Amino acid sequence: MNLSNAELMLLELVAEQSSVSGYEISRIVSLRGYKNWADIGNTSIYTGLKKLKSKGLLDSQIDSKKKGKGPLPTKFKINKSGKKMLEEKILNSFEEAKVNSGRFLLGLAGLPFTEKNKVVIILEKKNRSALKDHEMVKKKFLSDGGDKLDLNTKEVFRHSFFFMEKSIEFIDSLIKNLKKE
């Protein structure tokens, strides 16, 4: 089952709470700055919650305790299927997403819903692969002429090296922090 980034984020936020309404989620999204990188607005929140419920990942009930004007809110809870899917998608985000992607950030946000040792295993594998890729790009740079290349070509390689090295550094640090916990 596919989940969009918005749906994964919503599943994480519902999992954090014992019971939560769309309005309450909207406030959390604003407070945490998710709107800046997750491309989600109020309409997406309510649509996403309905989709997650129709996929069998959330349960809902009307909150009859509300006071004041307006309709009674619907409160959402994550169910057993939702918890299983949440962990699967979080682990998948570490395995498949690039370190600088929104999906990877959602994996980080969802760390409390996974087994840390599973994340460490995935990240160690990811770093081994990244080190191999870095070495392959370095060999390509040298075989193409290295420092004798024109400026624009050298800068393309330098840009790649920089982001690869920073990603490897970040994952190493994350692995160490996960092992400390």
Foldseek 3Di string as FASTA:
>chain_A
DDDQLLLLLLLLVQAVDQKAFLVRVQVVCVVVVVCVAVVDDSVNSVVSVVVCVVVVQKDWDFDPPDDDDDDTTIIIHGDPVNLVVSQVQLLVLLQPPQCPHSSVVSSVSNVVSYDLVSNLVSLVVVLVVLVVVLVVLVVVCVVVPNPVDDPVVNVVSVVVNVSSVVSSVVSVVVSVVSVVD
